[in-house]
Every structure is written in C-alpha cells, then in structure tokens.
Amino acid sequence: MAATNTIRATANQTIYDVAVKYYGTTDAVGELLALNPDLRNDPAALAALGIDYLADDSFFPDVALAPGLTVTIDTGSSLLRQEVARQLRSREINTFNI
C-alpha cells in the first residue's frame, strides 16, 4: 500500500496548486484525481464563473477546491519532486482569483 498523507484545501486553492505545493509538479494532477475521486469545487467560485453548481456536478480542475476539503497525497509517488515540494510546502499557493 502506498504511503499517503491528507491535507485540507485552503481558500482559492486549485488541484494544480495542491500538485505544485505537495508534489513539486503539475504532472501529479492525474494522480491526485485518481486518489481523490470525490473532489468538489468551491460553490462560490463556480457561481462567480456563472456555473450552476446545482445543475452541473462536474469537477473543474482550474477552479478552486471547496475550502477545507480533504485531499489525499501519495507521499511515495514517483512523481514527487522532493526538493521542490520541500521548498514550497511552507508557502501559500492559491492561484484561483475572481
């Protein structure tokens, strides 16, 4: 079984932000999506973009995650760029902004 850790999404954080912060690369987005099939976007972010989140339950990777959402990270992933992730882990990486 893979070594995993869980984090909580912060305001305005996309799945790309999580990949960069915890893996050191956006190449890990696919792995994050596979590990976390129940990811949800922030309803307020969707509404700000004119997306009816009640009618459309799609996940949009370039839209903020629901704040506080638990995201599983594979800490033993071959995609993990240890040195980059170590340098970024203490920084806020939240690129979504409306």
C-alpha atoms as a PDB file:
ATOM      1  CA  MET A   1       0.000   0.000   0.000  1.00  0.00           C
ATOM      2  CA  ALA A   2       1.237   3.482  -0.877  1.00  0.00           C
ATOM      3  CA  ALA A   3       2.268   5.918   1.837  1.00  0.00           C
ATOM      4  CA  THR A   4      -0.305   8.669   1.977  1.00  0.00           C
ATOM      5  CA  ASN A   5      -0.963  11.879   3.809  1.00  0.00           C
ATOM      6  CA  THR A   6      -4.048  14.064   3.834  1.00  0.00           C
ATOM      7  CA  ILE A   7      -4.211  17.825   3.613  1.00  0.00           C
ATOM      8  CA  ARG A   8      -7.073  20.295   3.752  1.00  0.00           C
ATOM      9  CA  ALA A   9      -7.641  22.573   0.775  1.00  0.00           C
ATOM     10  CA  THR A  10      -7.407  26.267   1.542  1.00  0.00           C
ATOM     11  CA  ALA A  11      -9.436  29.107   0.041  1.00  0.00           C
ATOM     12  CA  ASN A  12      -8.749  29.715  -3.661  1.00  0.00           C
ATOM     13  CA  GLN A  13      -6.578  26.588  -3.987  1.00  0.00           C
ATOM     14  CA  THR A  14      -6.965  24.525  -7.179  1.00  0.00           C
ATOM     15  CA  ILE A  15      -5.897  20.934  -7.714  1.00  0.00           C
ATOM     16  CA  TYR A  16      -2.958  22.360  -9.699  1.00  0.00           C
ATOM     17  CA  ASP A  17      -1.907  24.361  -6.630  1.00  0.00           C
ATOM     18  CA  VAL A  18      -2.051  21.209  -4.486  1.00  0.00           C
ATOM     19  CA  ALA A  19       0.043  19.305  -7.032  1.00  0.00           C
ATOM     20  CA  VAL A  20       2.714  22.013  -7.104  1.00  0.00           C
ATOM     21  CA  LYS A  21       2.802  22.510  -3.343  1.00  0.00           C
ATOM     22  CA  TYR A  22       2.858  18.855  -2.282  1.00  0.00           C
ATOM     23  CA  TYR A  23       4.456  17.095  -5.284  1.00  0.00           C
ATOM     24  CA  GLY A  24       6.561  19.907  -6.737  1.00  0.00           C
ATOM     25  CA  THR A  25       4.996  19.462 -10.191  1.00  0.00           C
ATOM     26  CA  THR A  26       1.676  19.765 -12.004  1.00  0.00           C
ATOM     27  CA  ASP A  27       2.389  16.340 -13.506  1.00  0.00           C
ATOM     28  CA  ALA A  28       0.772  14.910 -10.355  1.00  0.00           C
ATOM     29  CA  VAL A  29      -2.713  16.274 -11.126  1.00  0.00           C
ATOM     30  CA  GLY A  30      -3.792  12.999 -12.750  1.00  0.00           C
ATOM     31  CA  GLU A  31      -2.606  11.037  -9.736  1.00  0.00           C
ATOM     32  CA  LEU A  32      -4.430  13.401  -7.376  1.00  0.00           C
ATOM     33  CA  LEU A  33      -7.633  12.997  -9.383  1.00  0.00           C
ATOM     34  CA  ALA A  34      -7.297   9.200  -9.212  1.00  0.00           C
ATOM     35  CA  LEU A  35      -6.615   9.245  -5.463  1.00  0.00           C
ATOM     36  CA  ASN A  36      -9.467  11.661  -4.787  1.00  0.00           C
ATOM     37  CA  PRO A  37     -12.471  10.763  -6.965  1.00  0.00           C
ATOM     38  CA  ASP A  38     -14.832  12.831  -4.808  1.00  0.00           C
ATOM     39  CA  LEU A  39     -13.124  16.211  -5.260  1.00  0.00           C
ATOM     40  CA  ARG A  40     -15.520  19.159  -5.298  1.00  0.00           C
ATOM     41  CA  ASN A  41     -15.126  22.740  -6.352  1.00  0.00           C
ATOM     42  CA  ASP A  42     -15.959  25.710  -4.167  1.00  0.00           C
ATOM     43  CA  PRO A  43     -19.631  26.532  -4.903  1.00  0.00           C
ATOM     44  CA  ALA A  44     -18.908  30.268  -4.554  1.00  0.00           C
ATOM     45  CA  ALA A  45     -16.105  30.048  -7.134  1.00  0.00           C
ATOM     46  CA  LEU A  46     -18.373  28.177  -9.545  1.00  0.00           C
ATOM     47  CA  ALA A  47     -21.167  30.711  -9.053  1.00  0.00           C
ATOM     48  CA  ALA A  48     -18.718  33.576  -9.665  1.00  0.00           C
ATOM     49  CA  LEU A  49     -17.888  31.953 -13.003  1.00  0.00           C
ATOM     50  CA  GLY A  50     -21.560  31.592 -13.904  1.00  0.00           C
ATOM     51  CA  ILE A  51     -21.581  27.804 -13.448  1.00  0.00           C
ATOM     52  CA  ASP A  52     -24.754  26.415 -11.906  1.00  0.00           C
ATOM     53  CA  TYR A  53     -23.176  24.014  -9.415  1.00  0.00           C
ATOM     54  CA  LEU A  54     -26.586  22.559  -8.520  1.00  0.00           C
ATOM     55  CA  ALA A  55     -27.272  21.522 -12.107  1.00  0.00           C
ATOM     56  CA  ASP A  56     -23.693  20.704 -13.131  1.00  0.00           C
ATOM     57  CA  ASP A  57     -21.758  18.459 -10.756  1.00  0.00           C
ATOM     58  CA  SER A  58     -18.646  18.365 -12.968  1.00  0.00           C
ATOM     59  CA  PHE A  59     -15.244  18.907 -11.394  1.00  0.00           C
ATOM     60  CA  PHE A  60     -13.256  21.784 -12.883  1.00  0.00           C
ATOM     61  CA  PRO A  61      -9.513  21.422 -12.139  1.00  0.00           C
ATOM     62  CA  ASP A  62      -8.781  25.099 -12.785  1.00  0.00           C
ATOM     63  CA  VAL A  63     -11.428  26.286 -10.286  1.00  0.00           C
ATOM     64  CA  ALA A  64     -10.861  26.493  -6.525  1.00  0.00           C
ATOM     65  CA  LEU A  65     -11.467  23.407  -4.442  1.00  0.00           C
ATOM     66  CA  ALA A  66     -14.058  23.568  -1.679  1.00  0.00           C
ATOM     67  CA  PRO A  67     -12.188  25.084   1.283  1.00  0.00           C
ATOM     68  CA  GLY A  68     -11.457  22.509   3.973  1.00  0.00           C
ATOM     69  CA  LEU A  69     -11.881  19.602   1.555  1.00  0.00           C
ATOM     70  CA  THR A  70      -9.628  16.672   2.485  1.00  0.00           C
ATOM     71  CA  VAL A  71      -7.189  15.722  -0.288  1.00  0.00           C
ATOM     72  CA  THR A  72      -5.076  12.551  -0.194  1.00  0.00           C
ATOM     73  CA  ILE A  73      -1.435  12.882  -1.246  1.00  0.00           C
ATOM     74  CA  ASP A  74       0.759   9.899  -2.193  1.00  0.00           C
ATOM     75  CA  THR A  75       3.967  10.653  -0.287  1.00  0.00           C
ATOM     76  CA  GLY A  76       5.748   7.764  -2.000  1.00  0.00           C
ATOM     77  CA  SER A  77       4.787   8.756  -5.546  1.00  0.00           C
ATOM     78  CA  SER A  78       7.347   8.529  -8.328  1.00  0.00           C
ATOM     79  CA  LEU A  79       6.030  11.941  -9.427  1.00  0.00           C
ATOM     80  CA  LEU A  80       7.117  13.580  -6.178  1.00  0.00           C
ATOM     81  CA  ARG A  81       9.887  16.149  -6.613  1.00  0.00           C
ATOM     82  CA  GLN A  82      11.119  16.159  -3.009  1.00  0.00           C
ATOM     83  CA  GLU A  83      13.351  19.219  -3.098  1.00  0.00           C
ATOM     84  CA  VAL A  84      10.837  21.428  -4.912  1.00  0.00           C
ATOM     85  CA  ALA A  85       7.944  20.292  -2.694  1.00  0.00           C
ATOM     86  CA  ARG A  86      10.031  20.838   0.448  1.00  0.00           C
ATOM     87  CA  GLN A  87      10.749  24.436  -0.590  1.00  0.00           C
ATOM     88  CA  LEU A  88       7.107  25.176  -1.419  1.00  0.00           C
ATOM     89  CA  ARG A  89       5.374  23.405   1.470  1.00  0.00           C
ATOM     90  CA  SER A  90       5.528  26.389   3.822  1.00  0.00           C
ATOM     91  CA  ARG A  91       4.150  28.795   1.192  1.00  0.00           C
ATOM     92  CA  GLU A  92       0.551  29.542   0.360  1.00  0.00           C
ATOM     93  CA  ILE A  93      -0.101  28.540  -3.241  1.00  0.00           C
ATOM     94  CA  ASN A  94      -3.590  29.701  -4.159  1.00  0.00           C
ATOM     95  CA  THR A  95      -3.868  30.828  -7.752  1.00  0.00           C
ATOM     96  CA  PHE A  96      -7.639  30.996  -8.196  1.00  0.00           C
ATOM     97  CA  ASN A  97      -8.905  34.540  -8.004  1.00  0.00           C
ATOM     98  CA  ILE A  98     -12.106  36.090  -9.276  1.00  0.00           C
END
